[in-house]
Amino acid sequence: MQQFEHAARVLGWHGHLVSNVEVLGSRFTAVTRLRPDVHQWRTAHDWPPQAEPSGVHAWAEPDGPEQVPVPAVDLIGVMVRVSKARRATRACGTLLTIAPCAAVLPGDHPYRPWALTELDYYGIGAVTTYREGPARLVLSPEDRRAEFGTSLFERWLLELLYQRVLRQESHSTESTSNTAEGGGADFP
């Protein structure tokens, strides 16, 4: 987890880490920010996170509810751990449509101009980091969400992340650790 904290910090992504997210065959760590005003409104109006894909899909149906809740989290970026830069394009894949994506590479990863040129072309960032110690920004990610628009998948993912953030917050109030399995951490 500390490796992702260092990577997020060097990327300038400040928020709440949600680790071990697995969707569409991708495993990643998300950096999110809870929107306190929206969370308070949703709590007051009995709109808990809707982590079931079918529930979010129903929101888009013609006979669905007249009102749907605003997302209670912002997705700042996603990070995928890869052993080689050439694997980052596949690892980020669809994730590029929903948030900036950065590959987290081993600290001793060699500089490979062609692989980094490909990452730059797709807007994928790259960070090298050791398990213990600081991270180094190799390539800044781009936010390409505007090119793709929004989707039900993105909306569902925001609900899933909202659920995970709330679960982590309740867990952290019950214990002193924020980094339990599937957990996350807040960092400035």
N, C-alpha and C. Protein backbone atom coordinates (compact mmCIF):
# COMPACT_ATOMS: atom_id res chain seq x y z
N MET A 1 0.82 -1.19 0.00
CA MET A 1 0.00 0.00 0.00
C MET A 1 0.87 1.25 0.00
N GLN A 2 1.96 1.22 0.75
CA GLN A 2 2.82 2.38 0.84
C GLN A 2 3.37 2.76 -0.53
N GLN A 3 3.60 1.76 -1.37
CA GLN A 3 4.09 2.00 -2.72
C GLN A 3 3.10 2.86 -3.50
N PHE A 4 1.80 2.58 -3.38
CA PHE A 4 0.78 3.36 -4.07
C PHE A 4 0.62 4.74 -3.45
N GLU A 5 0.82 4.85 -2.14
CA GLU A 5 0.76 6.17 -1.50
C GLU A 5 1.86 7.06 -2.04
N HIS A 6 3.07 6.51 -2.17
CA HIS A 6 4.18 7.28 -2.72
C HIS A 6 3.90 7.65 -4.18
N ALA A 7 3.37 6.71 -4.94
CA ALA A 7 3.08 6.97 -6.35
C ALA A 7 2.02 8.06 -6.49
N ALA A 8 0.95 7.98 -5.70
CA ALA A 8 -0.11 8.98 -5.78
C ALA A 8 0.42 10.36 -5.40
N ARG A 9 1.27 10.40 -4.41
CA ARG A 9 1.82 11.68 -3.95
C ARG A 9 2.65 12.32 -5.06
N VAL A 10 3.51 11.54 -5.72
CA VAL A 10 4.36 12.09 -6.77
C VAL A 10 3.53 12.48 -8.01
N LEU A 11 2.38 11.84 -8.20
CA LEU A 11 1.47 12.20 -9.28
C LEU A 11 0.66 13.46 -8.96
N GLY A 12 0.68 13.86 -7.70
CA GLY A 12 -0.11 15.02 -7.28
C GLY A 12 -1.57 14.68 -7.05
N TRP A 13 -1.87 13.39 -6.84
CA TRP A 13 -3.24 12.93 -6.61
C TRP A 13 -3.43 12.81 -5.10
N HIS A 14 -4.26 13.66 -4.55
CA HIS A 14 -4.50 13.67 -3.11
C HIS A 14 -5.93 13.22 -2.85
N GLY A 15 -6.08 12.28 -1.94
CA GLY A 15 -7.41 11.78 -1.62
C GLY A 15 -7.36 10.49 -0.83
N HIS A 16 -8.27 9.61 -1.15
CA HIS A 16 -8.43 8.34 -0.44
C HIS A 16 -8.06 7.20 -1.38
N LEU A 17 -7.13 6.35 -0.96
CA LEU A 17 -6.75 5.19 -1.78
C LEU A 17 -7.75 4.06 -1.56
N VAL A 18 -8.23 3.51 -2.66
CA VAL A 18 -9.07 2.32 -2.61
C VAL A 18 -8.31 1.26 -3.40
N SER A 19 -7.79 0.28 -2.70
CA SER A 19 -6.94 -0.72 -3.34
C SER A 19 -7.72 -1.97 -3.71
N ASN A 20 -7.08 -2.79 -4.52
CA ASN A 20 -7.62 -4.10 -4.92
C ASN A 20 -8.99 -4.00 -5.57
N VAL A 21 -9.18 -3.02 -6.43
CA VAL A 21 -10.43 -2.92 -7.19
C VAL A 21 -10.25 -3.78 -8.44
N GLU A 22 -11.20 -4.68 -8.68
CA GLU A 22 -11.14 -5.54 -9.86
C GLU A 22 -12.42 -5.40 -10.66
N VAL A 23 -12.29 -4.86 -11.88
CA VAL A 23 -13.42 -4.75 -12.80
C VAL A 23 -12.92 -4.96 -14.22
N LEU A 24 -13.76 -5.56 -15.04
CA LEU A 24 -13.45 -5.80 -16.45
C LEU A 24 -12.07 -6.42 -16.66
N GLY A 25 -11.70 -7.30 -15.80
CA GLY A 25 -10.40 -7.97 -15.93
C GLY A 25 -9.21 -7.12 -15.54
N SER A 26 -9.44 -5.96 -14.99
CA SER A 26 -8.36 -5.09 -14.55
C SER A 26 -8.35 -5.00 -13.03
N ARG A 27 -7.16 -4.96 -12.49
CA ARG A 27 -7.00 -4.79 -11.05
C ARG A 27 -6.21 -3.50 -10.85
N PHE A 28 -6.73 -2.62 -10.00
CA PHE A 28 -6.09 -1.32 -9.85
C PHE A 28 -6.35 -0.74 -8.47
N THR A 29 -5.65 0.34 -8.20
CA THR A 29 -5.87 1.14 -7.00
C THR A 29 -6.40 2.48 -7.47
N ALA A 30 -7.51 2.91 -6.88
CA ALA A 30 -8.13 4.18 -7.25
C ALA A 30 -7.81 5.24 -6.21
N VAL A 31 -7.65 6.45 -6.67
CA VAL A 31 -7.53 7.58 -5.77
C VAL A 31 -8.84 8.35 -5.90
N THR A 32 -9.55 8.47 -4.78
CA THR A 32 -10.87 9.09 -4.78
C THR A 32 -10.92 10.23 -3.77
N ARG A 33 -11.95 11.02 -3.92
CA ARG A 33 -12.21 12.07 -2.94
C ARG A 33 -13.70 12.04 -2.63
N LEU A 34 -14.04 11.87 -1.36
CA LEU A 34 -15.43 11.88 -0.92
C LEU A 34 -15.95 13.31 -1.01
N ARG A 35 -17.15 13.45 -1.54
CA ARG A 35 -17.79 14.77 -1.62
C ARG A 35 -18.71 14.88 -0.40
N PRO A 36 -18.25 15.53 0.68
CA PRO A 36 -18.98 15.53 1.95
C PRO A 36 -20.42 16.05 1.83
N ASP A 37 -20.63 17.10 1.06
CA ASP A 37 -21.98 17.65 0.94
C ASP A 37 -22.93 16.67 0.27
N VAL A 38 -22.45 15.98 -0.77
CA VAL A 38 -23.28 14.99 -1.46
C VAL A 38 -23.51 13.79 -0.55
N HIS A 39 -22.46 13.36 0.16
CA HIS A 39 -22.60 12.23 1.08
C HIS A 39 -23.64 12.54 2.16
N GLN A 40 -23.60 13.75 2.71
CA GLN A 40 -24.59 14.12 3.73
C GLN A 40 -26.00 14.11 3.15
N TRP A 41 -26.15 14.65 1.94
CA TRP A 41 -27.47 14.68 1.30
C TRP A 41 -27.96 13.25 1.05
N ARG A 42 -27.09 12.40 0.51
CA ARG A 42 -27.49 11.03 0.22
C ARG A 42 -27.86 10.28 1.49
N THR A 43 -27.12 10.51 2.56
CA THR A 43 -27.43 9.86 3.83
C THR A 43 -28.79 10.33 4.34
N ALA A 44 -29.03 11.63 4.29
CA ALA A 44 -30.29 12.20 4.77
C ALA A 44 -31.49 11.74 3.94
N HIS A 45 -31.26 11.45 2.66
CA HIS A 45 -32.36 11.06 1.76
C HIS A 45 -32.38 9.56 1.45
N ASP A 46 -31.66 8.79 2.26
CA ASP A 46 -31.64 7.32 2.14
C ASP A 46 -31.23 6.85 0.74
N TRP A 47 -30.10 7.37 0.25
CA TRP A 47 -29.51 6.92 -1.00
C TRP A 47 -28.15 6.30 -0.71
N PRO A 48 -28.10 5.07 -0.21
CA PRO A 48 -26.80 4.44 0.05
C PRO A 48 -26.11 4.12 -1.27
N PRO A 49 -24.85 3.73 -1.22
CA PRO A 49 -24.15 3.35 -2.44
C PRO A 49 -24.90 2.22 -3.16
N GLN A 50 -24.96 2.29 -4.46
CA GLN A 50 -25.62 1.27 -5.28
C GLN A 50 -24.53 0.48 -6.00
N ALA A 51 -23.97 -0.51 -5.33
CA ALA A 51 -22.84 -1.25 -5.88
C ALA A 51 -23.26 -2.38 -6.82
N GLU A 52 -24.53 -2.69 -6.89
CA GLU A 52 -25.03 -3.72 -7.82
C GLU A 52 -25.17 -3.10 -9.20
N PRO A 53 -24.51 -3.65 -10.21
CA PRO A 53 -24.60 -3.09 -11.56
C PRO A 53 -26.04 -2.99 -12.07
N SER A 54 -26.87 -3.96 -11.73
CA SER A 54 -28.26 -3.94 -12.21
C SER A 54 -29.03 -2.75 -11.64
N GLY A 55 -28.71 -2.33 -10.43
CA GLY A 55 -29.37 -1.18 -9.83
C GLY A 55 -29.04 0.11 -10.57
N VAL A 56 -27.77 0.28 -10.93
CA VAL A 56 -27.35 1.47 -11.67
C VAL A 56 -27.93 1.42 -13.07
N HIS A 57 -27.96 0.25 -13.67
CA HIS A 57 -28.54 0.11 -15.01
C HIS A 57 -30.01 0.51 -15.00
N ALA A 58 -30.71 0.19 -13.93
CA ALA A 58 -32.13 0.54 -13.82
C ALA A 58 -32.35 2.05 -13.82
N TRP A 59 -31.34 2.80 -13.35
CA TRP A 59 -31.46 4.25 -13.35
C TRP A 59 -31.60 4.80 -14.77
N ALA A 60 -31.04 4.09 -15.75
CA ALA A 60 -31.06 4.57 -17.13
C ALA A 60 -32.26 4.07 -17.92
N GLU A 61 -33.03 3.17 -17.34
CA GLU A 61 -34.20 2.62 -18.03
C GLU A 61 -35.31 3.68 -18.13
N PRO A 62 -36.11 3.62 -19.20
CA PRO A 62 -37.21 4.58 -19.35
C PRO A 62 -38.19 4.56 -18.18
N ASP A 63 -38.41 3.39 -17.60
CA ASP A 63 -39.34 3.29 -16.47
C ASP A 63 -38.59 3.32 -15.13
N GLY A 64 -37.34 3.79 -15.15
CA GLY A 64 -36.54 3.89 -13.93
C GLY A 64 -36.99 5.06 -13.07
N PRO A 65 -36.29 5.29 -11.99
CA PRO A 65 -36.69 6.37 -11.08
C PRO A 65 -36.58 7.74 -11.75
N GLU A 66 -37.42 8.65 -11.30
CA GLU A 66 -37.39 10.00 -11.84
C GLU A 66 -36.17 10.78 -11.37
N GLN A 67 -35.65 10.41 -10.21
CA GLN A 67 -34.51 11.09 -9.63
C GLN A 67 -33.45 10.06 -9.28
N VAL A 68 -32.21 10.35 -9.60
CA VAL A 68 -31.09 9.49 -9.21
C VAL A 68 -30.09 10.33 -8.44
N PRO A 69 -29.33 9.71 -7.56
CA PRO A 69 -28.39 10.48 -6.74
C PRO A 69 -27.17 10.94 -7.53
N VAL A 70 -26.61 12.03 -7.09
CA VAL A 70 -25.36 12.54 -7.63
C VAL A 70 -24.24 11.66 -7.09
N PRO A 71 -23.18 11.41 -7.87
CA PRO A 71 -22.06 10.62 -7.33
C PRO A 71 -21.47 11.30 -6.09
N ALA A 72 -21.18 10.51 -5.09
CA ALA A 72 -20.66 11.05 -3.83
C ALA A 72 -19.14 10.99 -3.74
N VAL A 73 -18.49 10.45 -4.77
CA VAL A 73 -17.03 10.46 -4.81
C VAL A 73 -16.58 10.98 -6.17
N ASP A 74 -15.43 11.61 -6.17
CA ASP A 74 -14.75 11.99 -7.40
C ASP A 74 -13.63 10.98 -7.60
N LEU A 75 -13.48 10.52 -8.82
CA LEU A 75 -12.37 9.61 -9.15
C LEU A 75 -11.24 10.46 -9.71
N ILE A 76 -10.17 10.58 -8.96
CA ILE A 76 -9.04 11.43 -9.33
C ILE A 76 -8.14 10.71 -10.33
N GLY A 77 -7.89 9.44 -10.10
CA GLY A 77 -7.03 8.68 -10.99
C GLY A 77 -6.95 7.23 -10.57
N VAL A 78 -6.41 6.40 -11.47
CA VAL A 78 -6.22 4.99 -11.17
C VAL A 78 -4.76 4.63 -11.42
N MET A 79 -4.28 3.69 -10.62
CA MET A 79 -2.91 3.22 -10.74
C MET A 79 -2.92 1.70 -10.89
N VAL A 80 -2.14 1.22 -11.85
CA VAL A 80 -2.01 -0.22 -12.06
C VAL A 80 -0.54 -0.60 -11.87
N ARG A 81 -0.32 -1.68 -11.17
CA ARG A 81 1.04 -2.16 -10.97
C ARG A 81 1.39 -3.09 -12.13
N VAL A 82 2.49 -2.79 -12.78
CA VAL A 82 2.98 -3.63 -13.87
C VAL A 82 4.48 -3.82 -13.70
N SER A 83 4.98 -4.94 -14.20
CA SER A 83 6.40 -5.21 -14.06
C SER A 83 7.22 -4.58 -15.17
N LYS A 84 6.58 -4.30 -16.32
CA LYS A 84 7.28 -3.70 -17.45
C LYS A 84 6.39 -2.65 -18.10
N ALA A 85 7.01 -1.59 -18.58
CA ALA A 85 6.26 -0.49 -19.19
C ALA A 85 5.41 -0.95 -20.37
N ARG A 86 5.88 -1.91 -21.12
CA ARG A 86 5.11 -2.35 -22.30
C ARG A 86 3.79 -3.04 -21.93
N ARG A 87 3.63 -3.41 -20.68
CA ARG A 87 2.38 -4.03 -20.24
C ARG A 87 1.35 -3.00 -19.77
N ALA A 88 1.75 -1.76 -19.64
CA ALA A 88 0.87 -0.72 -19.10
C ALA A 88 -0.30 -0.39 -20.02
N THR A 89 -0.09 -0.43 -21.32
CA THR A 89 -1.17 -0.10 -22.24
C THR A 89 -2.34 -1.06 -22.07
N ARG A 90 -2.05 -2.32 -21.99
CA ARG A 90 -3.12 -3.31 -21.78
C ARG A 90 -3.71 -3.19 -20.38
N ALA A 91 -2.87 -2.94 -19.39
CA ALA A 91 -3.36 -2.84 -18.00
C ALA A 91 -4.28 -1.64 -17.82
N CYS A 92 -3.98 -0.53 -18.46
CA CYS A 92 -4.83 0.66 -18.33
C CYS A 92 -6.06 0.54 -19.22
N GLY A 93 -5.91 0.04 -20.43
CA GLY A 93 -7.02 -0.22 -21.33
C GLY A 93 -8.23 0.65 -21.17
N THR A 94 -9.35 0.05 -20.81
CA THR A 94 -10.63 0.74 -20.66
C THR A 94 -10.61 1.77 -19.54
N LEU A 95 -9.71 1.61 -18.59
CA LEU A 95 -9.65 2.54 -17.47
C LEU A 95 -9.36 3.97 -17.93
N LEU A 96 -8.70 4.11 -19.07
CA LEU A 96 -8.40 5.45 -19.60
C LEU A 96 -9.66 6.24 -19.90
N THR A 97 -10.77 5.56 -20.11
CA THR A 97 -12.02 6.24 -20.44
C THR A 97 -12.69 6.86 -19.22
N ILE A 98 -12.26 6.45 -18.03
CA ILE A 98 -12.94 6.92 -16.82
C ILE A 98 -12.08 7.78 -15.90
N ALA A 99 -10.77 7.74 -16.08
CA ALA A 99 -9.88 8.52 -15.20
C ALA A 99 -8.46 8.49 -15.76
N PRO A 100 -7.64 9.45 -15.35
CA PRO A 100 -6.22 9.36 -15.71
C PRO A 100 -5.65 8.06 -15.14
N CYS A 101 -4.79 7.41 -15.90
CA CYS A 101 -4.23 6.13 -15.47
C CYS A 101 -2.71 6.21 -15.45
N ALA A 102 -2.11 5.65 -14.42
CA ALA A 102 -0.66 5.63 -14.29
C ALA A 102 -0.19 4.22 -13.98
N ALA A 103 0.88 3.82 -14.65
CA ALA A 103 1.52 2.54 -14.39
C ALA A 103 2.52 2.72 -13.25
N VAL A 104 2.46 1.82 -12.28
CA VAL A 104 3.41 1.83 -11.18
C VAL A 104 4.42 0.73 -11.47
N LEU A 105 5.63 1.15 -11.79
CA LEU A 105 6.70 0.23 -12.21
C LEU A 105 7.69 0.02 -11.07
N PRO A 106 8.43 -1.10 -11.12
CA PRO A 106 9.46 -1.32 -10.09
C PRO A 106 10.48 -0.18 -10.11
N GLY A 107 11.05 0.11 -8.97
CA GLY A 107 12.01 1.20 -8.86
C GLY A 107 13.23 1.07 -9.74
N ASP A 108 13.63 -0.16 -10.04
CA ASP A 108 14.81 -0.38 -10.88
C ASP A 108 14.44 -0.61 -12.35
N HIS A 109 13.23 -0.23 -12.75
CA HIS A 109 12.82 -0.43 -14.14
C HIS A 109 13.71 0.39 -15.07
N PRO A 110 14.26 -0.25 -16.09
CA PRO A 110 15.14 0.49 -17.00
C PRO A 110 14.35 1.46 -17.89
N TYR A 111 15.02 2.51 -18.31
CA TYR A 111 14.41 3.48 -19.22
C TYR A 111 14.32 2.85 -20.60
N ARG A 112 13.11 2.75 -21.14
CA ARG A 112 12.87 2.18 -22.47
C ARG A 112 12.13 3.24 -23.30
N PRO A 113 12.84 3.99 -24.14
CA PRO A 113 12.21 5.10 -24.87
C PRO A 113 10.98 4.69 -25.67
N TRP A 114 11.02 3.57 -26.36
CA TRP A 114 9.89 3.20 -27.21
C TRP A 114 8.64 2.91 -26.38
N ALA A 115 8.80 2.19 -25.30
CA ALA A 115 7.65 1.87 -24.44
C ALA A 115 7.07 3.15 -23.84
N LEU A 116 7.91 4.07 -23.41
CA LEU A 116 7.42 5.31 -22.83
C LEU A 116 6.78 6.22 -23.88
N THR A 117 7.27 6.16 -25.10
CA THR A 117 6.65 6.93 -26.19
C THR A 117 5.24 6.43 -26.43
N GLU A 118 5.05 5.11 -26.38
CA GLU A 118 3.71 4.54 -26.55
C GLU A 118 2.79 4.96 -25.40
N LEU A 119 3.29 4.92 -24.18
CA LEU A 119 2.50 5.34 -23.03
C LEU A 119 2.10 6.81 -23.17
N ASP A 120 3.05 7.63 -23.57
CA ASP A 120 2.78 9.05 -23.75
C ASP A 120 1.71 9.27 -24.82
N TYR A 121 1.77 8.52 -25.89
CA TYR A 121 0.79 8.63 -26.97
C TYR A 121 -0.63 8.39 -26.46
N TYR A 122 -0.80 7.40 -25.60
CA TYR A 122 -2.12 7.08 -25.05
C TYR A 122 -2.49 7.89 -23.81
N GLY A 123 -1.56 8.68 -23.31
CA GLY A 123 -1.84 9.49 -22.13
C GLY A 123 -1.68 8.76 -20.82
N ILE A 124 -0.96 7.65 -20.84
CA ILE A 124 -0.74 6.84 -19.64
C ILE A 124 0.50 7.37 -18.92
N GLY A 125 0.38 7.56 -17.63
CA GLY A 125 1.51 8.01 -16.83
C GLY A 125 2.38 6.85 -16.38
N ALA A 126 3.56 7.16 -15.90
CA ALA A 126 4.46 6.13 -15.38
C ALA A 126 5.19 6.67 -14.16
N VAL A 127 5.25 5.82 -13.13
CA VAL A 127 5.93 6.13 -11.88
C VAL A 127 6.77 4.92 -11.52
N THR A 128 7.99 5.15 -11.12
CA THR A 128 8.80 4.05 -10.59
C THR A 128 8.87 4.21 -9.09
N THR A 129 8.79 3.08 -8.41
CA THR A 129 8.86 3.13 -6.94
C THR A 129 9.31 1.77 -6.40
N TYR A 130 10.07 1.85 -5.35
CA TYR A 130 10.46 0.64 -4.62
C TYR A 130 9.39 0.37 -3.57
N ARG A 131 9.34 -0.82 -3.04
CA ARG A 131 8.35 -1.14 -2.00
C ARG A 131 8.47 -0.19 -0.82
N GLU A 132 9.68 0.14 -0.47
CA GLU A 132 9.94 1.10 0.61
C GLU A 132 10.70 2.26 -0.01
N GLY A 133 10.26 3.44 0.22
CA GLY A 133 11.01 4.59 -0.27
C GLY A 133 10.21 5.42 -1.26
N PRO A 134 10.82 6.51 -1.70
CA PRO A 134 10.12 7.46 -2.54
C PRO A 134 9.86 6.95 -3.96
N ALA A 135 8.91 7.60 -4.61
CA ALA A 135 8.58 7.29 -6.00
C ALA A 135 9.19 8.36 -6.89
N ARG A 136 9.30 8.03 -8.17
CA ARG A 136 9.83 8.99 -9.15
C ARG A 136 8.87 9.06 -10.32
N LEU A 137 8.44 10.27 -10.65
CA LEU A 137 7.54 10.48 -11.78
C LEU A 137 8.36 10.40 -13.06
N VAL A 138 7.99 9.47 -13.93
CA VAL A 138 8.67 9.30 -15.21
C VAL A 138 7.88 9.98 -16.32
N LEU A 139 6.55 9.87 -16.24
CA LEU A 139 5.68 10.41 -17.28
C LEU A 139 4.34 10.79 -16.66
N SER A 140 3.91 12.01 -16.84
CA SER A 140 2.63 12.46 -16.27
C SER A 140 1.46 11.91 -17.09
N PRO A 141 0.42 11.42 -16.41
CA PRO A 141 -0.76 10.94 -17.14
C PRO A 141 -1.62 12.10 -17.63
N GLU A 142 -2.41 11.83 -18.64
CA GLU A 142 -3.34 12.83 -19.15
C GLU A 142 -4.76 12.42 -18.78
N ASP A 143 -5.61 13.41 -18.60
CA ASP A 143 -7.02 13.15 -18.33
C ASP A 143 -7.76 13.19 -19.66
N ARG A 144 -8.15 12.04 -20.14
CA ARG A 144 -8.80 11.94 -21.45
C ARG A 144 -10.30 11.64 -21.35
N ARG A 145 -10.87 11.79 -20.17
CA ARG A 145 -12.29 11.47 -19.98
C ARG A 145 -13.19 12.22 -20.94
N ALA A 146 -12.89 13.47 -21.23
CA ALA A 146 -13.74 14.29 -22.09
C ALA A 146 -13.87 13.69 -23.49
N GLU A 147 -12.86 12.97 -23.93
CA GLU A 147 -12.90 12.35 -25.26
C GLU A 147 -13.90 11.20 -25.32
N PHE A 148 -14.23 10.61 -24.18
CA PHE A 148 -15.07 9.41 -24.16
C PHE A 148 -16.47 9.66 -23.62
N GLY A 149 -16.69 10.73 -22.90
CA GLY A 149 -18.00 10.98 -22.29
C GLY A 149 -18.22 10.05 -21.10
N THR A 150 -19.42 10.12 -20.54
CA THR A 150 -19.72 9.28 -19.38
C THR A 150 -20.44 8.01 -19.82
N SER A 151 -20.45 7.03 -18.94
CA SER A 151 -21.09 5.76 -19.25
C SER A 151 -21.72 5.18 -17.99
N LEU A 152 -22.58 4.20 -18.18
CA LEU A 152 -23.16 3.51 -17.02
C LEU A 152 -22.07 2.77 -16.25
N PHE A 153 -21.08 2.28 -16.96
CA PHE A 153 -19.96 1.60 -16.29
C PHE A 153 -19.27 2.56 -15.33
N GLU A 154 -18.96 3.76 -15.81
CA GLU A 154 -18.31 4.75 -14.95
C GLU A 154 -19.18 5.09 -13.74
N ARG A 155 -20.47 5.26 -13.99
CA ARG A 155 -21.40 5.61 -12.90
C ARG A 155 -21.46 4.50 -11.86
N TRP A 156 -21.50 3.25 -12.34
CA TRP A 156 -21.50 2.12 -11.41
C TRP A 156 -20.19 2.07 -10.62
N LEU A 157 -19.06 2.31 -11.31
CA LEU A 157 -17.76 2.27 -10.63
C LEU A 157 -17.70 3.33 -9.53
N LEU A 158 -18.25 4.50 -9.78
CA LEU A 158 -18.28 5.54 -8.75
C LEU A 158 -19.09 5.08 -7.54
N GLU A 159 -20.17 4.37 -7.79
CA GLU A 159 -20.98 3.83 -6.68
C GLU A 159 -20.21 2.76 -5.91
N LEU A 160 -19.51 1.90 -6.63
CA LEU A 160 -18.69 0.86 -6.00
C LEU A 160 -17.60 1.50 -5.14
N LEU A 161 -16.93 2.52 -5.68
CA LEU A 161 -15.88 3.20 -4.92
C LEU A 161 -16.45 3.92 -3.70
N TYR A 162 -17.64 4.49 -3.85
CA TYR A 162 -18.32 5.14 -2.73
C TYR A 162 -18.56 4.13 -1.62
N GLN A 163 -19.04 2.96 -1.98
CA GLN A 163 -19.28 1.91 -1.00
C GLN A 163 -17.98 1.51 -0.30
N ARG A 164 -16.92 1.35 -1.07
CA ARG A 164 -15.63 0.94 -0.49
C ARG A 164 -15.06 2.02 0.43
N VAL A 165 -15.19 3.29 0.04
CA VAL A 165 -14.70 4.38 0.88
C VAL A 165 -15.46 4.40 2.20
N LEU A 166 -16.79 4.26 2.15
CA LEU A 166 -17.58 4.25 3.39
C LEU A 166 -17.23 3.06 4.26
N ARG A 167 -17.03 1.91 3.64
CA ARG A 167 -16.66 0.71 4.39
C ARG A 167 -15.31 0.91 5.07
N GLN A 168 -14.35 1.50 4.35
CA GLN A 168 -13.03 1.74 4.92
C GLN A 168 -13.10 2.75 6.06
N GLU A 169 -13.91 3.78 5.88
CA GLU A 169 -14.04 4.78 6.94
C GLU A 169 -14.66 4.17 8.20
N SER A 170 -15.68 3.34 8.02
CA SER A 170 -16.28 2.71 9.20
C SER A 170 -15.31 1.73 9.85
N HIS A 171 -14.52 1.05 9.02
CA HIS A 171 -13.53 0.13 9.55
C HIS A 171 -12.44 0.88 10.30
N SER A 172 -12.03 2.04 9.78
CA SER A 172 -10.96 2.79 10.43
C SER A 172 -11.42 3.39 11.75
N THR A 173 -12.70 3.64 11.90
CA THR A 173 -13.19 4.13 13.20
C THR A 173 -13.27 3.00 14.21
N GLU A 174 -13.40 1.76 13.71
CA GLU A 174 -13.46 0.61 14.61
C GLU A 174 -12.08 0.14 15.02
N SER A 175 -11.09 0.40 14.17
CA SER A 175 -9.72 -0.01 14.50
C SER A 175 -8.79 1.16 14.21
N THR A 176 -7.56 1.03 14.57
CA THR A 176 -6.61 2.11 14.36
C THR A 176 -5.91 2.01 13.01
N SER A 177 -6.16 0.94 12.25
CA SER A 177 -5.48 0.75 10.98
C SER A 177 -6.39 1.10 9.81
N ASN A 178 -5.86 1.85 8.85
CA ASN A 178 -6.58 2.17 7.62
C ASN A 178 -6.18 1.25 6.48
N THR A 179 -5.25 0.34 6.71
CA THR A 179 -4.70 -0.40 5.60
C THR A 179 -5.03 -1.89 5.68
N ALA A 180 -6.21 -2.23 6.11
CA ALA A 180 -6.62 -3.63 6.14
C ALA A 180 -6.79 -4.14 4.72
N GLU A 181 -6.94 -5.43 4.55
CA GLU A 181 -7.10 -6.02 3.22
C GLU A 181 -8.22 -5.32 2.46
N GLY A 182 -7.89 -4.93 1.22
CA GLY A 182 -8.87 -4.21 0.40
C GLY A 182 -9.09 -2.81 0.89
N GLY A 183 -8.23 -2.38 1.79
CA GLY A 183 -8.42 -1.09 2.42
C GLY A 183 -7.78 0.03 1.65
N GLY A 184 -7.64 1.10 2.34
CA GLY A 184 -7.06 2.27 1.72
C GLY A 184 -6.57 3.20 2.79
N ALA A 185 -6.16 4.34 2.37
CA ALA A 185 -5.65 5.31 3.31
C ALA A 185 -5.92 6.70 2.78
N ASP A 186 -6.15 7.62 3.68
CA ASP A 186 -6.24 9.02 3.30
C ASP A 186 -4.84 9.59 3.39
N PHE A 187 -4.53 10.47 2.47
CA PHE A 187 -3.26 11.15 2.55
C PHE A 187 -3.43 12.53 1.97
N PRO A 188 -2.63 13.48 2.43
CA PRO A 188 -2.78 14.86 1.97
C PRO A 188 -2.35 15.05 0.53
